[in-house]
Amino acid sequence: MRALAALLKELAGLFVDDGSLALAVLVWLALVALLDQLASAGWDGAVLFLGIAALLGENTRRAARRR
């Protein structure tokens, strides 16, 4: 049973390395989708990209500070 739990944890780690980053990306995605529904102006792709790039940069900065 422990081996199965370890295997599932490793498998989840392949997709979600940092839970806070994954949560922030999901929140940002939902926010951009909501804003796109309210005002479709064609800017949603750029805003989505810039927000996720900012989140990734911040996460990288925090990870570098921890090490």
Protein backbone atom coordinates (compact mmCIF):
# COMPACT_ATOMS: atom_id res chain seq x y z
CA MET A 1 0.00 0.00 0.00
CA ARG A 2 2.86 2.39 0.77
CA ALA A 3 4.39 1.67 -2.62
CA LEU A 4 1.12 2.58 -4.34
CA ALA A 5 0.87 5.80 -2.34
CA ALA A 6 4.45 6.70 -3.23
CA LEU A 7 3.78 5.96 -6.88
CA LEU A 8 0.68 8.16 -6.93
CA LYS A 9 2.56 10.97 -5.18
CA GLU A 10 5.35 10.81 -7.75
CA LEU A 11 2.81 10.76 -10.57
CA ALA A 12 1.05 13.82 -9.18
CA GLY A 13 4.44 15.51 -8.81
CA LEU A 14 4.97 15.20 -12.55
CA PHE A 15 2.00 17.48 -13.16
CA VAL A 16 1.87 19.64 -10.04
CA ASP A 17 5.26 20.54 -8.62
CA ASP A 18 4.08 23.48 -6.59
CA GLY A 19 0.51 23.51 -5.37
CA SER A 20 0.39 27.27 -4.93
CA LEU A 21 1.45 27.82 -8.55
CA ALA A 22 -1.18 25.40 -9.81
CA LEU A 23 -3.87 27.08 -7.71
CA ALA A 24 -2.80 30.55 -8.84
CA VAL A 25 -2.89 29.49 -12.51
CA LEU A 26 -6.37 28.03 -12.09
CA VAL A 27 -7.61 31.20 -10.39
CA TRP A 28 -6.05 33.37 -13.10
CA LEU A 29 -7.58 31.21 -15.83
CA ALA A 30 -11.02 31.50 -14.23
CA LEU A 31 -10.64 35.26 -13.82
CA VAL A 32 -9.62 35.78 -17.45
CA ALA A 33 -12.49 33.56 -18.62
CA LEU A 34 -14.93 35.58 -16.53
CA LEU A 35 -13.59 38.88 -17.85
CA ASP A 36 -13.77 37.54 -21.40
CA GLN A 37 -17.46 36.74 -20.90
CA LEU A 38 -18.14 40.22 -19.56
CA ALA A 39 -16.24 42.13 -22.25
CA SER A 40 -14.97 40.22 -25.26
CA ALA A 41 -12.49 42.64 -26.72
CA GLY A 42 -9.97 40.16 -28.13
CA TRP A 43 -7.33 40.89 -25.49
CA ASP A 44 -7.92 37.78 -23.40
CA GLY A 45 -5.10 35.77 -24.97
CA ALA A 46 -2.48 38.42 -24.26
CA VAL A 47 -3.74 38.98 -20.71
CA LEU A 48 -3.78 35.24 -20.06
CA PHE A 49 -0.21 34.88 -21.33
CA LEU A 50 1.14 37.86 -19.40
CA GLY A 51 -0.54 36.77 -16.18
CA ILE A 52 0.75 33.22 -16.38
CA ALA A 53 4.23 34.48 -17.27
CA ALA A 54 4.13 36.76 -14.21
CA LEU A 55 2.99 33.89 -11.99
CA LEU A 56 5.76 31.65 -13.30
CA GLY A 57 8.36 34.38 -12.78
CA GLU A 58 7.20 34.98 -9.22
CA ASN A 59 7.20 31.26 -8.48
CA THR A 60 10.72 30.91 -9.88
CA ARG A 61 11.91 33.85 -7.78
CA ARG A 62 10.44 32.32 -4.62
CA ALA A 63 11.96 28.91 -5.39
CA ALA A 64 15.40 30.47 -5.96
CA ARG A 65 15.16 32.35 -2.66
CA ARG A 66 14.29 29.12 -0.79
CA ARG A 67 17.41 27.34 -2.04
